[in-house]
Amino acid sequence: MQMLFRKCEVSVAMAYCCMIYVIASVYYLIVTRQFGTPFYNAIAKDPKLVEIKKKSASKRRKAFYCGIAVGVIVLFIFKPFLGCADNN
């Protein structure tokens, strides 16, 4: 297990998977840009639903930002890629 964390390289399969994910995400953003927002248009007619959606979006945004903060703290504490800078 220790050897896994000492390597400064990514497997080819992992690199391909990551690139497929990036390409699929860009494709999704381009294609769905023209789809419109029928769900939002439907709830926009009811102020209660709009408020529920705003509260839900706020909770999810906070959870995402907390996840980023946790990730930064974990990386700062453990410094998993510190040895990679020395190898290059």
Protein backbone atom coordinates (compact mmCIF):
# COMPACT_ATOMS: atom_id res chain seq x y z
CA MET A 1 0.00 0.00 0.00
CA GLN A 2 2.87 2.38 0.78
CA MET A 3 4.26 1.85 -2.72
CA LEU A 4 0.98 3.07 -4.22
CA PHE A 5 1.43 6.47 -2.64
CA ARG A 6 5.10 6.83 -3.59
CA LYS A 7 4.63 6.61 -7.36
CA CYS A 8 4.41 9.83 -9.34
CA GLU A 9 2.72 8.44 -12.38
CA VAL A 10 -0.80 7.68 -13.47
CA SER A 11 -1.81 4.46 -15.15
CA VAL A 12 -2.74 4.72 -18.80
CA ALA A 13 -6.19 3.31 -18.08
CA MET A 14 -6.80 5.99 -15.44
CA ALA A 15 -5.60 8.72 -17.79
CA TYR A 16 -7.97 7.48 -20.51
CA CYS A 17 -10.87 7.34 -18.05
CA CYS A 18 -10.18 10.89 -16.90
CA MET A 19 -9.98 12.18 -20.48
CA ILE A 20 -13.22 10.40 -21.41
CA TYR A 21 -14.89 12.09 -18.44
CA VAL A 22 -13.57 15.53 -19.45
CA ILE A 23 -14.62 15.08 -23.09
CA ALA A 24 -18.06 13.80 -22.07
CA SER A 25 -18.51 16.79 -19.73
CA VAL A 26 -17.58 19.30 -22.43
CA TYR A 27 -19.85 17.53 -24.93
CA TYR A 28 -22.70 17.58 -22.40
CA LEU A 29 -22.25 21.32 -21.77
CA ILE A 30 -22.24 22.10 -25.49
CA VAL A 31 -25.20 19.89 -26.39
CA THR A 32 -27.47 20.75 -23.45
CA ARG A 33 -26.88 24.49 -23.80
CA GLN A 34 -29.71 24.65 -26.34
CA PHE A 35 -32.14 22.41 -24.44
CA GLY A 36 -33.71 25.21 -22.42
CA THR A 37 -34.95 24.94 -18.86
CA PRO A 38 -38.48 23.47 -18.83
CA PHE A 39 -38.25 22.44 -15.18
CA TYR A 40 -37.18 25.90 -14.04
CA ASN A 41 -39.84 27.49 -16.26
CA ALA A 42 -42.49 25.30 -14.58
CA ILE A 43 -41.42 26.06 -11.00
CA ALA A 44 -40.91 29.76 -11.73
CA LYS A 45 -44.70 30.11 -11.75
CA ASP A 46 -44.93 29.09 -8.09
CA PRO A 47 -42.99 31.30 -5.62
CA LYS A 48 -42.96 28.56 -2.96
CA LEU A 49 -41.21 26.14 -5.30
CA VAL A 50 -38.69 28.81 -6.31
CA GLU A 51 -37.84 29.38 -2.64
CA ILE A 52 -37.44 25.64 -2.02
CA LYS A 53 -35.12 25.41 -5.04
CA LYS A 54 -33.04 28.37 -3.81
CA LYS A 55 -32.64 26.82 -0.36
CA SER A 56 -31.67 23.47 -1.85
CA ALA A 57 -29.13 25.07 -4.18
CA SER A 58 -27.64 27.00 -1.26
CA LYS A 59 -27.23 23.81 0.81
CA ARG A 60 -25.61 21.97 -2.08
CA ARG A 61 -23.27 24.90 -2.81
CA LYS A 62 -22.17 25.01 0.82
CA ALA A 63 -21.60 21.25 0.86
CA PHE A 64 -19.49 21.48 -2.31
CA TYR A 65 -17.36 24.32 -0.94
CA CYS A 66 -16.89 22.43 2.33
CA GLY A 67 -15.74 19.43 0.30
CA ILE A 68 -13.18 21.62 -1.45
CA ALA A 69 -11.98 22.95 1.91
CA VAL A 70 -11.68 19.42 3.32
CA GLY A 71 -9.73 18.36 0.24
CA VAL A 72 -7.34 21.31 0.56
CA ILE A 73 -6.80 20.61 4.27
CA VAL A 74 -6.19 16.90 3.68
CA LEU A 75 -3.72 17.62 0.87
CA PHE A 76 -1.97 20.28 2.97
CA ILE A 77 -1.59 17.88 5.91
CA PHE A 78 -0.54 14.75 4.00
CA LYS A 79 1.24 16.38 1.02
CA PRO A 80 0.83 13.27 -1.16
CA PHE A 81 2.64 14.75 -4.19
CA LEU A 82 5.55 16.36 -2.38
CA GLY A 83 8.00 13.71 -3.60
CA CYS A 84 6.84 14.13 -7.21
CA ALA A 85 8.35 17.60 -7.43
CA ASP A 86 11.76 16.17 -6.48
CA ASN A 87 11.58 13.48 -9.19
CA ASN A 88 11.09 15.89 -12.10
